[in-house]
Every structure is written in C-alpha cells, then in structure tokens.
Amino acid sequence: MSAIDQYTEWDAAYVLGALSPSKRREFERHLADCDACAGSVADLAGLPGLLAKVPAAEAESFAQPTVGSPVPQSLLPRLIRSVERRRRRSRGNVAAAIAAAAAAAAVVALAIPLLFPSQASAPAGAGPTVSLSQVVPSSLSANVRLVREAWGTRIEMTCRYADSAATGPSGYRAPRGYAMFVTDTHGNSSQIATWTAAPGSTVEPSGTTGLAPGEIAAVDVRSAMDGRVLLSGSP
C-alpha cells in the first residue's frame, strides 16, 4: 500500500482518537496538503459526539465480537463507509440519519480496542475538573475534565456564554462559533471540537484525542472566526 493510500484509511481513526501521537501528527501534516482527506475528516467530525451519547448496554447490542476471532484491518473503514451510505440515504429525515449514525458509531466504539490492541491497555479514568482562564476579555467561561480512555483521552467541557454579552445595533445577539484545541507537550496544536453558542447559553462539547492525559499541555477555546485564543488552561 502506498503512503497516499495509507492516509485514506486514517481519517476515521484520526477522528475517533485511535491514532498514536506520532501518526496523528504525521496525518495532520498530510491534511494541510490534501483536500480529499481534509474533507473526509470534516465529514466524520460528528462521530465522537455520537459515540459519547450511546449507552454501553445499547452499544453491546449492536455488536458482539467473538473472543479469539481475528478482526480484519478493513473493519473500521467499512463501518465508516456504512455510516456515510446511511447518512446519504436519509438526508430527508434528520432523525433517521442520527439513529443510523449512532448505531454504526456504537459498533465502531467496540471495534477500536480490537483494531488497535497496542493502545487498549490503559485503564479508563476521569481526572479533576480544570477551570480555563481568560486570555482576552470575553463573555465566556469554561471548565474541562480529561477522561483517560484505552485509546487516548476524551475531553469533556462545559462552556458558558454570559447573558450580559453585548448586543448589536438592532438588539440582536448573534450566536458565534468556537473551537476546542489541545496542545501537546511538544507544542503541536490540533482542533478536536467545534460548536456555536449565543449569549445566555451553556454548551457541553466533547472532543477526543489520541494523546494520553500526560501528553496534553493545554486545552484552549478559540474563536472559529479568527482563531484567537479566548480561554486556556493546563490540566
């Protein structure tokens, strides 16, 4: 398999946090020059949020892997393609699209430890809640909690947008876009979640990374419009 072909199989693992830190950085360098792979990652960006919402009991009902049976390396890409096919067939019915994606995502969640056994040995566990500090004055406040997973880290955030935020000339307070970034101990930053918030709202975005908690130097909230760092904290 050529290097380019190899990268086409990394999009799902990247989104789900199943790549090792070194491969994640390699793939991010590739994304800067490959519109096709960048588009694939954007299409799959909603999967981590779906995975977080699927109860464990329900996930087990979707797939029961047989102990001792080899798991084909093509399983994860096939599952992701299945999500994409179901999503295209269900564009006219949003509820059906969400249900189909969640069902396939549950199977993916069970497949990750089997497809990436070298990253499945770390025990899961939640760390303390960390409040982010304001880097520039804004109406935002947030705290995060890092949850250790077998494949890396899940970052749970609670972000509040104060109701006292300034209004426009007409009195309309437009929602704004934000992004969650993680920076590793080598200074490399990557975006792991995006959301939109309006004054007076509280949003709870969740993102995933292949980095272990000890490899995360900072978690930031940035403006999706201009990339400015608004909030930042060190776990």
C-alpha atoms as a PDB file:
ATOM      1  CA  MET A   1       0.000   0.000   0.000  1.00  0.00           C
ATOM      2  CA  SER A   2       1.408   3.403  -0.986  1.00  0.00           C
ATOM      3  CA  ALA A   3       1.768   6.243   1.520  1.00  0.00           C
ATOM      4  CA  ILE A   4      -1.128   8.136  -0.097  1.00  0.00           C
ATOM      5  CA  ASP A   5      -3.381   5.057   0.011  1.00  0.00           C
ATOM      6  CA  GLN A   6      -2.444   4.551   3.647  1.00  0.00           C
ATOM      7  CA  TYR A   7      -3.567   8.064   4.555  1.00  0.00           C
ATOM      8  CA  THR A   8      -7.005   7.462   3.020  1.00  0.00           C
ATOM      9  CA  GLU A   9      -7.550   4.795   5.693  1.00  0.00           C
ATOM     10  CA  TRP A  10      -6.523   7.061   8.583  1.00  0.00           C
ATOM     11  CA  ASP A  11      -9.432   9.555   8.560  1.00  0.00           C
ATOM     12  CA  ALA A  12     -11.771   7.537  10.807  1.00  0.00           C
ATOM     13  CA  ALA A  13      -9.013   6.539  13.234  1.00  0.00           C
ATOM     14  CA  TYR A  14      -7.940  10.198  13.449  1.00  0.00           C
ATOM     15  CA  VAL A  15     -11.457  11.444  14.233  1.00  0.00           C
ATOM     16  CA  LEU A  16     -12.014   8.701  16.816  1.00  0.00           C
ATOM     17  CA  GLY A  17      -8.663   9.322  18.522  1.00  0.00           C
ATOM     18  CA  ALA A  18      -7.266   5.896  17.654  1.00  0.00           C
ATOM     19  CA  LEU A  19      -4.010   7.054  16.028  1.00  0.00           C
ATOM     20  CA  SER A  20      -0.832   7.115  18.069  1.00  0.00           C
ATOM     21  CA  PRO A  21       0.526  10.619  18.837  1.00  0.00           C
ATOM     22  CA  SER A  22       3.251  10.277  16.200  1.00  0.00           C
ATOM     23  CA  LYS A  23       0.850   9.081  13.493  1.00  0.00           C
ATOM     24  CA  ARG A  24      -1.640  11.792  14.467  1.00  0.00           C
ATOM     25  CA  ARG A  25       0.997  14.482  13.918  1.00  0.00           C
ATOM     26  CA  GLU A  26       2.033  12.848  10.628  1.00  0.00           C
ATOM     27  CA  PHE A  27      -1.582  12.757   9.424  1.00  0.00           C
ATOM     28  CA  GLU A  28      -2.149  16.403  10.427  1.00  0.00           C
ATOM     29  CA  ARG A  29       0.843  17.400   8.278  1.00  0.00           C
ATOM     30  CA  HIS A  30      -0.702  15.424   5.412  1.00  0.00           C
ATOM     31  CA  LEU A  31      -4.100  17.111   5.922  1.00  0.00           C
ATOM     32  CA  ALA A  32      -2.537  20.518   5.305  1.00  0.00           C
ATOM     33  CA  ASP A  33      -1.810  19.487   1.691  1.00  0.00           C
ATOM     34  CA  CYS A  34      -4.648  17.044   0.926  1.00  0.00           C
ATOM     35  CA  ASP A  35      -8.128  18.468   0.358  1.00  0.00           C
ATOM     36  CA  ALA A  36      -9.634  14.996  -0.102  1.00  0.00           C
ATOM     37  CA  CYS A  37      -8.502  13.709   3.295  1.00  0.00           C
ATOM     38  CA  ALA A  38      -9.385  17.013   4.961  1.00  0.00           C
ATOM     39  CA  GLY A  39     -12.890  16.698   3.503  1.00  0.00           C
ATOM     40  CA  SER A  40     -13.211  13.131   4.784  1.00  0.00           C
ATOM     41  CA  VAL A  41     -12.210  14.230   8.282  1.00  0.00           C
ATOM     42  CA  ALA A  42     -14.767  17.051   8.173  1.00  0.00           C
ATOM     43  CA  ASP A  43     -17.496  14.597   7.099  1.00  0.00           C
ATOM     44  CA  LEU A  44     -16.724  12.334  10.071  1.00  0.00           C
ATOM     45  CA  ALA A  45     -16.274  15.088  12.659  1.00  0.00           C
ATOM     46  CA  GLY A  46     -19.603  14.342  14.349  1.00  0.00           C
ATOM     47  CA  LEU A  47     -18.805  10.726  15.219  1.00  0.00           C
ATOM     48  CA  PRO A  48     -17.079  11.349  18.599  1.00  0.00           C
ATOM     49  CA  GLY A  49     -20.142  13.209  19.841  1.00  0.00           C
ATOM     50  CA  LEU A  50     -22.388  10.352  18.731  1.00  0.00           C
ATOM     51  CA  LEU A  51     -20.149   7.811  20.440  1.00  0.00           C
ATOM     52  CA  ALA A  52     -20.361   9.736  23.700  1.00  0.00           C
ATOM     53  CA  LYS A  53     -24.172   9.576  23.623  1.00  0.00           C
ATOM     54  CA  VAL A  54     -24.520   5.808  23.020  1.00  0.00           C
ATOM     55  CA  PRO A  55     -25.148   3.905  26.299  1.00  0.00           C
ATOM     56  CA  ALA A  56     -22.782   0.989  26.868  1.00  0.00           C
ATOM     57  CA  ALA A  57     -25.628  -1.540  27.027  1.00  0.00           C
ATOM     58  CA  GLU A  58     -27.015  -0.323  23.718  1.00  0.00           C
ATOM     59  CA  ALA A  59     -23.586  -0.413  22.096  1.00  0.00           C
ATOM     60  CA  GLU A  60     -23.137  -4.043  23.135  1.00  0.00           C
ATOM     61  CA  SER A  61     -26.430  -4.932  21.459  1.00  0.00           C
ATOM     62  CA  PHE A  62     -25.103  -3.696  18.102  1.00  0.00           C
ATOM     63  CA  ALA A  63     -22.009  -5.867  18.023  1.00  0.00           C
ATOM     64  CA  GLN A  64     -20.805  -8.874  19.976  1.00  0.00           C
ATOM     65  CA  PRO A  65     -17.209  -9.581  18.924  1.00  0.00           C
ATOM     66  CA  THR A  66     -16.176 -13.207  19.203  1.00  0.00           C
ATOM     67  CA  VAL A  67     -13.293 -13.764  21.603  1.00  0.00           C
ATOM     68  CA  GLY A  68     -10.268 -15.145  19.794  1.00  0.00           C
ATOM     69  CA  SER A  69     -11.537 -14.311  16.321  1.00  0.00           C
ATOM     70  CA  PRO A  70      -9.183 -12.151  14.250  1.00  0.00           C
ATOM     71  CA  VAL A  71     -10.539  -8.695  13.410  1.00  0.00           C
ATOM     72  CA  PRO A  72      -9.889  -7.670   9.794  1.00  0.00           C
ATOM     73  CA  GLN A  73      -7.989  -4.390   9.421  1.00  0.00           C
ATOM     74  CA  SER A  74     -10.628  -3.265   6.920  1.00  0.00           C
ATOM     75  CA  LEU A  75     -13.418  -3.376   9.535  1.00  0.00           C
ATOM     76  CA  LEU A  76     -13.186   0.219  10.743  1.00  0.00           C
ATOM     77  CA  PRO A  77     -13.148   1.789   7.233  1.00  0.00           C
ATOM     78  CA  ARG A  78     -16.126  -0.431   6.257  1.00  0.00           C
ATOM     79  CA  LEU A  79     -18.096   0.732   9.280  1.00  0.00           C
ATOM     80  CA  ILE A  80     -17.395   4.367   8.497  1.00  0.00           C
ATOM     81  CA  ARG A  81     -18.449   3.903   4.866  1.00  0.00           C
ATOM     82  CA  SER A  82     -21.641   2.315   6.170  1.00  0.00           C
ATOM     83  CA  VAL A  83     -22.343   5.451   8.215  1.00  0.00           C
ATOM     84  CA  GLU A  84     -21.787   7.616   5.131  1.00  0.00           C
ATOM     85  CA  ARG A  85     -24.129   5.490   2.974  1.00  0.00           C
ATOM     86  CA  ARG A  86     -26.866   5.580   5.593  1.00  0.00           C
ATOM     87  CA  ARG A  87     -26.445   9.307   6.019  1.00  0.00           C
ATOM     88  CA  ARG A  88     -26.797   9.930   2.266  1.00  0.00           C
ATOM     89  CA  ARG A  89     -29.907   7.733   2.050  1.00  0.00           C
ATOM     90  CA  SER A  90     -31.508   9.556   4.984  1.00  0.00           C
ATOM     91  CA  ARG A  91     -30.897  13.205   4.091  1.00  0.00           C
ATOM     92  CA  GLY A  92     -34.651  13.833   4.037  1.00  0.00           C
ATOM     93  CA  ASN A  93     -35.121  12.511   7.565  1.00  0.00           C
ATOM     94  CA  VAL A  94     -32.791  14.008  10.167  1.00  0.00           C
ATOM     95  CA  ALA A  95     -33.933  11.739  12.989  1.00  0.00           C
ATOM     96  CA  ALA A  96     -33.307   8.622  10.904  1.00  0.00           C
ATOM     97  CA  ALA A  97     -29.848   9.874   9.931  1.00  0.00           C
ATOM     98  CA  ILE A  98     -28.872  10.426  13.559  1.00  0.00           C
ATOM     99  CA  ALA A  99     -30.152   7.000  14.608  1.00  0.00           C
ATOM    100  CA  ALA A 100     -28.302   5.252  11.776  1.00  0.00           C
ATOM    101  CA  ALA A 101     -25.052   7.036  12.525  1.00  0.00           C
ATOM    102  CA  ALA A 102     -25.331   6.330  16.241  1.00  0.00           C
ATOM    103  CA  ALA A 103     -25.895   2.627  15.600  1.00  0.00           C
ATOM    104  CA  ALA A 104     -22.838   2.351  13.374  1.00  0.00           C
ATOM    105  CA  ALA A 105     -20.812   4.508  15.769  1.00  0.00           C
ATOM    106  CA  ALA A 106     -21.584   2.099  18.589  1.00  0.00           C
ATOM    107  CA  VAL A 107     -20.111  -0.736  16.543  1.00  0.00           C
ATOM    108  CA  VAL A 108     -17.046   1.400  15.810  1.00  0.00           C
ATOM    109  CA  ALA A 109     -16.591   2.033  19.532  1.00  0.00           C
ATOM    110  CA  LEU A 110     -16.443  -1.692  20.186  1.00  0.00           C
ATOM    111  CA  ALA A 111     -14.115  -2.257  17.244  1.00  0.00           C
ATOM    112  CA  ILE A 112     -11.454   0.299  18.227  1.00  0.00           C
ATOM    113  CA  PRO A 113      -9.820  -1.746  21.029  1.00  0.00           C
ATOM    114  CA  LEU A 114      -9.762  -4.799  18.745  1.00  0.00           C
ATOM    115  CA  LEU A 115      -8.262  -2.950  15.791  1.00  0.00           C
ATOM    116  CA  PHE A 116      -5.712  -1.057  17.908  1.00  0.00           C
ATOM    117  CA  PRO A 117      -4.723  -3.510  20.690  1.00  0.00           C
ATOM    118  CA  SER A 118      -1.438  -1.708  21.398  1.00  0.00           C
ATOM    119  CA  GLN A 119      -3.429   1.299  22.616  1.00  0.00           C
ATOM    120  CA  ALA A 120      -6.064  -0.633  24.586  1.00  0.00           C
ATOM    121  CA  SER A 121      -4.120  -1.392  27.746  1.00  0.00           C
ATOM    122  CA  ALA A 122      -4.554   1.881  29.659  1.00  0.00           C
ATOM    123  CA  PRO A 123      -7.397   1.898  32.196  1.00  0.00           C
ATOM    124  CA  ALA A 124     -10.197   4.443  31.808  1.00  0.00           C
ATOM    125  CA  GLY A 125     -10.500   7.146  34.452  1.00  0.00           C
ATOM    126  CA  ALA A 126     -11.570  10.732  34.901  1.00  0.00           C
ATOM    127  CA  GLY A 127      -9.241  13.444  36.122  1.00  0.00           C
ATOM    128  CA  PRO A 128     -10.123  16.580  38.108  1.00  0.00           C
ATOM    129  CA  THR A 129     -12.148  19.446  36.652  1.00  0.00           C
ATOM    130  CA  VAL A 130      -9.938  22.327  35.491  1.00  0.00           C
ATOM    131  CA  SER A 131     -11.188  25.898  35.029  1.00  0.00           C
ATOM    132  CA  LEU A 132      -9.889  27.702  31.945  1.00  0.00           C
ATOM    133  CA  SER A 133      -8.511  31.225  32.341  1.00  0.00           C
ATOM    134  CA  GLN A 134      -9.351  34.168  30.097  1.00  0.00           C
ATOM    135  CA  VAL A 135      -6.598  35.058  27.649  1.00  0.00           C
ATOM    136  CA  VAL A 136      -8.515  38.026  26.218  1.00  0.00           C
ATOM    137  CA  PRO A 137     -11.596  39.659  27.783  1.00  0.00           C
ATOM    138  CA  SER A 138     -14.792  37.916  26.685  1.00  0.00           C
ATOM    139  CA  SER A 139     -18.184  36.763  27.950  1.00  0.00           C
ATOM    140  CA  LEU A 140     -17.039  33.123  28.003  1.00  0.00           C
ATOM    141  CA  SER A 141     -16.097  30.884  30.902  1.00  0.00           C
ATOM    142  CA  ALA A 142     -15.371  27.174  30.761  1.00  0.00           C
ATOM    143  CA  ASN A 143     -14.040  24.175  32.616  1.00  0.00           C
ATOM    144  CA  VAL A 144     -12.800  20.862  31.309  1.00  0.00           C
ATOM    145  CA  ARG A 145     -12.347  17.343  32.574  1.00  0.00           C
ATOM    146  CA  LEU A 146      -9.923  14.886  30.993  1.00  0.00           C
ATOM    147  CA  VAL A 147     -11.105  11.288  30.889  1.00  0.00           C
ATOM    148  CA  ARG A 148      -8.441   8.665  30.221  1.00  0.00           C
ATOM    149  CA  GLU A 149      -9.519   6.109  27.632  1.00  0.00           C
ATOM    150  CA  ALA A 150      -7.812   2.998  26.286  1.00  0.00           C
ATOM    151  CA  TRP A 151      -7.077   4.816  23.019  1.00  0.00           C
ATOM    152  CA  GLY A 152      -6.192   8.272  24.408  1.00  0.00           C
ATOM    153  CA  THR A 153      -8.252  10.974  26.112  1.00  0.00           C
ATOM    154  CA  ARG A 154     -11.807  12.248  25.980  1.00  0.00           C
ATOM    155  CA  ILE A 155     -12.153  15.909  26.939  1.00  0.00           C
ATOM    156  CA  GLU A 156     -15.493  16.991  28.391  1.00  0.00           C
ATOM    157  CA  MET A 157     -16.100  20.730  28.510  1.00  0.00           C
ATOM    158  CA  THR A 158     -18.792  22.961  29.977  1.00  0.00           C
ATOM    159  CA  CYS A 159     -18.709  26.379  28.295  1.00  0.00           C
ATOM    160  CA  ARG A 160     -20.920  29.266  29.416  1.00  0.00           C
ATOM    161  CA  TYR A 161     -21.695  32.366  27.384  1.00  0.00           C
ATOM    162  CA  ALA A 162     -22.848  35.154  29.742  1.00  0.00           C
ATOM    163  CA  ASP A 163     -26.282  36.633  29.089  1.00  0.00           C
ATOM    164  CA  SER A 164     -24.798  40.101  29.571  1.00  0.00           C
ATOM    165  CA  ALA A 165     -22.849  39.868  26.310  1.00  0.00           C
ATOM    166  CA  ALA A 166     -23.079  42.980  24.154  1.00  0.00           C
ATOM    167  CA  THR A 167     -25.848  43.214  21.568  1.00  0.00           C
ATOM    168  CA  GLY A 168     -25.689  44.533  18.037  1.00  0.00           C
ATOM    169  CA  PRO A 169     -27.241  47.817  16.834  1.00  0.00           C
ATOM    170  CA  SER A 170     -30.641  46.149  16.346  1.00  0.00           C
ATOM    171  CA  GLY A 171     -30.561  44.405  19.723  1.00  0.00           C
ATOM    172  CA  TYR A 172     -29.988  41.002  18.066  1.00  0.00           C
ATOM    173  CA  ARG A 173     -27.302  38.926  19.749  1.00  0.00           C
ATOM    174  CA  ALA A 174     -25.974  36.624  17.070  1.00  0.00           C
ATOM    175  CA  PRO A 175     -24.503  33.240  18.020  1.00  0.00           C
ATOM    176  CA  ARG A 176     -20.794  32.787  17.492  1.00  0.00           C
ATOM    177  CA  GLY A 177     -18.626  29.837  16.577  1.00  0.00           C
ATOM    178  CA  TYR A 178     -15.959  28.382  18.839  1.00  0.00           C
ATOM    179  CA  ALA A 179     -13.419  25.570  18.678  1.00  0.00           C
ATOM    180  CA  MET A 180     -11.658  23.393  21.251  1.00  0.00           C
ATOM    181  CA  PHE A 181      -7.940  22.831  20.706  1.00  0.00           C
ATOM    182  CA  VAL A 182      -5.452  20.635  22.520  1.00  0.00           C
ATOM    183  CA  THR A 183      -1.718  21.351  22.586  1.00  0.00           C
ATOM    184  CA  ASP A 184       0.718  18.560  23.329  1.00  0.00           C
ATOM    185  CA  THR A 185       3.956  18.780  25.272  1.00  0.00           C
ATOM    186  CA  HIS A 186       5.862  19.381  22.003  1.00  0.00           C
ATOM    187  CA  GLY A 187       3.808  22.489  21.222  1.00  0.00           C
ATOM    188  CA  ASN A 188       1.671  20.908  18.482  1.00  0.00           C
ATOM    189  CA  SER A 189      -1.981  22.027  18.499  1.00  0.00           C
ATOM    190  CA  SER A 190      -4.991  20.308  16.944  1.00  0.00           C
ATOM    191  CA  GLN A 191      -8.702  21.093  16.800  1.00  0.00           C
ATOM    192  CA  ILE A 192     -10.936  18.428  18.344  1.00  0.00           C
ATOM    193  CA  ALA A 193     -14.393  20.043  18.565  1.00  0.00           C
ATOM    194  CA  THR A 194     -16.469  22.978  17.305  1.00  0.00           C
ATOM    195  CA  TRP A 195     -19.771  24.473  18.421  1.00  0.00           C
ATOM    196  CA  THR A 196     -21.960  27.568  18.224  1.00  0.00           C
ATOM    197  CA  ALA A 197     -23.191  29.496  21.262  1.00  0.00           C
ATOM    198  CA  ALA A 198     -25.397  32.523  21.859  1.00  0.00           C
ATOM    199  CA  PRO A 199     -25.493  34.848  24.895  1.00  0.00           C
ATOM    200  CA  GLY A 200     -27.102  33.169  27.885  1.00  0.00           C
ATOM    201  CA  SER A 201     -26.358  29.624  26.702  1.00  0.00           C
ATOM    202  CA  THR A 202     -24.365  26.773  28.217  1.00  0.00           C
ATOM    203  CA  VAL A 203     -22.810  24.260  25.831  1.00  0.00           C
ATOM    204  CA  GLU A 204     -21.148  20.949  26.704  1.00  0.00           C
ATOM    205  CA  PRO A 205     -18.909  19.993  23.766  1.00  0.00           C
ATOM    206  CA  SER A 206     -16.831  16.831  23.911  1.00  0.00           C
ATOM    207  CA  GLY A 207     -13.679  16.069  21.935  1.00  0.00           C
ATOM    208  CA  THR A 208     -11.285  13.157  21.620  1.00  0.00           C
ATOM    209  CA  THR A 209      -7.552  12.895  21.055  1.00  0.00           C
ATOM    210  CA  GLY A 210      -5.058  10.074  20.726  1.00  0.00           C
ATOM    211  CA  LEU A 211      -2.846  11.825  23.280  1.00  0.00           C
ATOM    212  CA  ALA A 212      -2.648  10.431  26.798  1.00  0.00           C
ATOM    213  CA  PRO A 213      -3.603  12.910  29.558  1.00  0.00           C
ATOM    214  CA  GLY A 214       0.066  13.327  30.495  1.00  0.00           C
ATOM    215  CA  GLU A 215       0.892  14.361  26.912  1.00  0.00           C
ATOM    216  CA  ILE A 216      -1.612  17.253  26.947  1.00  0.00           C
ATOM    217  CA  ALA A 217      -0.027  20.576  27.885  1.00  0.00           C
ATOM    218  CA  ALA A 218      -3.048  22.838  27.362  1.00  0.00           C
ATOM    219  CA  VAL A 219      -6.702  22.956  26.340  1.00  0.00           C
ATOM    220  CA  ASP A 220      -7.921  26.129  24.599  1.00  0.00           C
ATOM    221  CA  VAL A 221     -11.181  27.676  23.454  1.00  0.00           C
ATOM    222  CA  ARG A 222     -10.628  29.691  20.286  1.00  0.00           C
ATOM    223  CA  SER A 223     -12.759  31.896  18.081  1.00  0.00           C
ATOM    224  CA  ALA A 224     -13.821  29.963  14.987  1.00  0.00           C
ATOM    225  CA  MET A 225     -13.818  33.243  13.069  1.00  0.00           C
ATOM    226  CA  ASP A 226     -10.248  34.428  13.541  1.00  0.00           C
ATOM    227  CA  GLY A 227      -8.519  31.711  15.595  1.00  0.00           C
ATOM    228  CA  ARG A 228      -7.866  33.923  18.633  1.00  0.00           C
ATOM    229  CA  VAL A 229      -7.302  32.042  21.885  1.00  0.00           C
ATOM    230  CA  LEU A 230     -10.064  33.166  24.272  1.00  0.00           C
ATOM    231  CA  LEU A 231      -9.667  30.698  27.150  1.00  0.00           C
ATOM    232  CA  SER A 232      -6.811  28.389  28.082  1.00  0.00           C
ATOM    233  CA  GLY A 233      -5.855  26.016  30.854  1.00  0.00           C
ATOM    234  CA  SER A 234      -3.293  23.367  31.743  1.00  0.00           C
ATOM    235  CA  PRO A 235      -4.675  20.054  33.048  1.00  0.00           C
END
